[in-house]
C-alpha atoms as a PDB file:
ATOM      1  CA  MET A   1     -18.749  28.735 -31.819  1.00  0.00           C
ATOM      2  CA  ASP A   2     -16.677  25.463 -30.833  1.00  0.00           C
ATOM      3  CA  LYS A   3     -15.919  24.926 -34.038  1.00  0.00           C
ATOM      4  CA  ILE A   4     -14.537  28.643 -34.617  1.00  0.00           C
ATOM      5  CA  ALA A   5     -12.638  28.235 -30.601  1.00  0.00           C
ATOM      6  CA  GLY A   6     -11.335  24.989 -31.926  1.00  0.00           C
ATOM      7  CA  ASN A   7     -10.009  26.356 -35.030  1.00  0.00           C
ATOM      8  CA  SER A   8      -8.112  29.290 -33.410  1.00  0.00           C
ATOM      9  CA  SER A   9      -5.932  27.081 -30.811  1.00  0.00           C
ATOM     10  CA  ASN A  10      -5.300  24.557 -33.816  1.00  0.00           C
ATOM     11  CA  LYS A  11      -4.130  27.803 -35.691  1.00  0.00           C
ATOM     12  CA  PHE A  12      -2.685  29.317 -32.179  1.00  0.00           C
ATOM     13  CA  GLU A  13      -0.566  26.079 -31.836  1.00  0.00           C
ATOM     14  CA  ASN A  14       0.727  25.641 -35.171  1.00  0.00           C
ATOM     15  CA  GLU A  15       2.105  29.620 -34.851  1.00  0.00           C
ATOM     16  CA  LEU A  16       4.077  28.174 -31.711  1.00  0.00           C
ATOM     17  CA  LYS A  17       5.336  25.698 -33.467  1.00  0.00           C
ATOM     18  CA  LYS A  18       6.949  26.898 -36.455  1.00  0.00           C
ATOM     19  CA  LYS A  19       8.294  29.471 -34.077  1.00  0.00           C
ATOM     20  CA  PHE A  20       9.682  27.484 -31.759  1.00  0.00           C
ATOM     21  CA  ILE A  21      12.209  24.304 -33.497  1.00  0.00           C
ATOM     22  CA  ARG A  22      13.020  21.398 -31.713  1.00  0.00           C
ATOM     23  CA  PHE A  23      17.026  20.808 -31.834  1.00  0.00           C
ATOM     24  CA  GLN A  24      18.820  18.074 -30.824  1.00  0.00           C
ATOM     25  CA  PRO A  25      21.403  18.728 -28.516  1.00  0.00           C
ATOM     26  CA  ASP A  26      25.245  17.058 -28.675  1.00  0.00           C
ATOM     27  CA  GLU A  27      25.100  13.981 -27.227  1.00  0.00           C
ATOM     28  CA  ASN A  28      28.715  14.381 -26.163  1.00  0.00           C
ATOM     29  CA  PHE A  29      27.871  17.139 -24.541  1.00  0.00           C
ATOM     30  CA  VAL A  30      25.137  15.398 -22.490  1.00  0.00           C
ATOM     31  CA  LYS A  31      27.044  12.683 -21.396  1.00  0.00           C
ATOM     32  CA  LYS A  32      30.283  14.942 -20.192  1.00  0.00           C
ATOM     33  CA  LEU A  33      27.574  16.992 -18.428  1.00  0.00           C
ATOM     34  CA  SER A  34      25.573  13.757 -16.708  1.00  0.00           C
ATOM     35  CA  ASP A  35      28.990  12.237 -15.730  1.00  0.00           C
ATOM     36  CA  LYS A  36      29.957  15.469 -13.566  1.00  0.00           C
ATOM     37  CA  LEU A  37      26.951  15.927 -12.480  1.00  0.00           C
ATOM     38  CA  PHE A  38      26.113  12.768 -11.300  1.00  0.00           C
ATOM     39  CA  GLU A  39      29.197  11.173 -10.770  1.00  0.00           C
ATOM     40  CA  GLN A  40      29.577   9.674  -7.303  1.00  0.00           C
ATOM     41  CA  SER A  41      33.698   8.800  -6.834  1.00  0.00           C
ATOM     42  CA  SER A  42      34.650  12.336  -6.432  1.00  0.00           C
ATOM     43  CA  ILE A  43      32.661  14.541  -3.822  1.00  0.00           C
ATOM     44  CA  THR A  44      34.593  17.763  -3.054  1.00  0.00           C
ATOM     45  CA  LEU A  45      34.185  20.375  -0.253  1.00  0.00           C
ATOM     46  CA  GLU A  46      34.908  23.853  -0.653  1.00  0.00           C
ATOM     47  CA  ASN A  47      37.650  24.957   1.814  1.00  0.00           C
ATOM     48  CA  SER A  48      37.578  28.421   2.075  1.00  0.00           C
ATOM     49  CA  LYS A  49      40.476  30.137   4.071  1.00  0.00           C
ATOM     50  CA  LYS A  50      39.043  33.217   4.500  1.00  0.00           C
ATOM     51  CA  TYR A  51      38.625  32.930   8.292  1.00  0.00           C
ATOM     52  CA  LEU A  52      42.724  33.475   8.489  1.00  0.00           C
ATOM     53  CA  TYR A  53      42.397  36.159   6.425  1.00  0.00           C
ATOM     54  CA  ASN A  54      40.260  38.012   9.087  1.00  0.00           C
ATOM     55  CA  PHE A  55      41.886  36.729  11.897  1.00  0.00           C
ATOM     56  CA  PHE A  56      45.267  38.045  10.799  1.00  0.00           C
ATOM     57  CA  PHE A  57      43.418  41.340   9.807  1.00  0.00           C
ATOM     58  CA  VAL A  58      41.961  42.068  13.337  1.00  0.00           C
ATOM     59  CA  LEU A  59      45.050  41.177  14.772  1.00  0.00           C
ATOM     60  CA  PHE A  60      47.107  43.760  12.448  1.00  0.00           C
ATOM     61  CA  GLY A  61      44.324  46.437  13.831  1.00  0.00           C
ATOM     62  CA  LEU A  62      44.573  45.828  16.898  1.00  0.00           C
ATOM     63  CA  PHE A  63      48.452  45.749  17.000  1.00  0.00           C
ATOM     64  CA  SER A  64      48.724  48.970  14.763  1.00  0.00           C
ATOM     65  CA  GLY A  65      46.306  50.657  17.287  1.00  0.00           C
ATOM     66  CA  TYR A  66      48.477  49.736  20.189  1.00  0.00           C
ATOM     67  CA  PHE A  67      51.086  50.843  18.759  1.00  0.00           C
ATOM     68  CA  LEU A  68      49.653  54.222  17.507  1.00  0.00           C
ATOM     69  CA  ILE A  69      48.632  54.788  21.043  1.00  0.00           C
ATOM     70  CA  ARG A  70      51.868  54.106  22.125  1.00  0.00           C
ATOM     71  CA  ILE A  71      53.481  56.857  19.836  1.00  0.00           C
ATOM     72  CA  ILE A  72      51.190  59.432  20.600  1.00  0.00           C
ATOM     73  CA  LYS A  73      51.328  59.028  24.370  1.00  0.00           C
ATOM     74  CA  SER A  74      55.237  58.960  23.979  1.00  0.00           C
ATOM     75  CA  ILE A  75      54.830  62.562  21.551  1.00  0.00           C
ATOM     76  CA  LEU A  76      52.657  63.970  24.525  1.00  0.00           C
ATOM     77  CA  LYS A  77      54.133  62.645  27.734  1.00  0.00           C
ATOM     78  CA  PRO A  78      57.445  65.353  27.293  1.00  0.00           C
ATOM     79  CA  LYS A  79      55.041  67.900  27.172  1.00  0.00           C
ATOM     80  CA  LYS A  80      53.120  66.923  30.011  1.00  0.00           C
ATOM     81  CA  GLN A  81      56.557  66.993  31.816  1.00  0.00           C
ATOM     82  CA  GLU A  82      57.690  70.254  30.708  1.00  0.00           C
ATOM     83  CA  ALA A  83      54.720  71.455  32.097  1.00  0.00           C
ATOM     84  CA  LYS A  84      55.009  69.808  35.620  1.00  0.00           C
ATOM     85  CA  ASN A  85      58.682  71.417  35.479  1.00  0.00           C
ATOM     86  CA  ASN A  86      57.683  74.944  34.814  1.00  0.00           C
ATOM     87  CA  HIS A  87      54.822  74.758  37.219  1.00  0.00           C
ATOM     88  CA  SER A  88      57.248  73.450  39.864  1.00  0.00           C
ATOM     89  CA  LYS A  89      59.840  76.644  38.989  1.00  0.00           C
ATOM     90  CA  ILE A  90      57.155  78.985  39.172  1.00  0.00           C
ATOM     91  CA  SER A  91      55.791  77.934  42.865  1.00  0.00           C
ATOM     92  CA  GLN A  92      59.170  77.552  44.161  1.00  0.00           C
ATOM     93  CA  PRO A  93      59.830  81.282  46.144  1.00  0.00           C
ATOM     94  CA  GLY A  94      63.433  82.378  46.031  1.00  0.00           C
ATOM     95  CA  THR A  95      64.954  81.130  42.605  1.00  0.00           C
END
């Protein structure tokens, strides 16, 4: 029984060796990759200026909202004054 199990495992290993072919990577590629990964002289940090974009986006939103409210108030304000004038004319007797 041990021989059968050992024989089938050897057969299995041989089949795997046939299916998985070993290859040798390009030495220049490996050297360039190791130089890029382990080079100590040039360390750069990613610097994102996304915070400026977000800051200006928020400021633009605030100012546009402010001016939109002022425009709406300027449109509605004359209507309120006309209503007050009409109300004062009605309440004055004799005119």
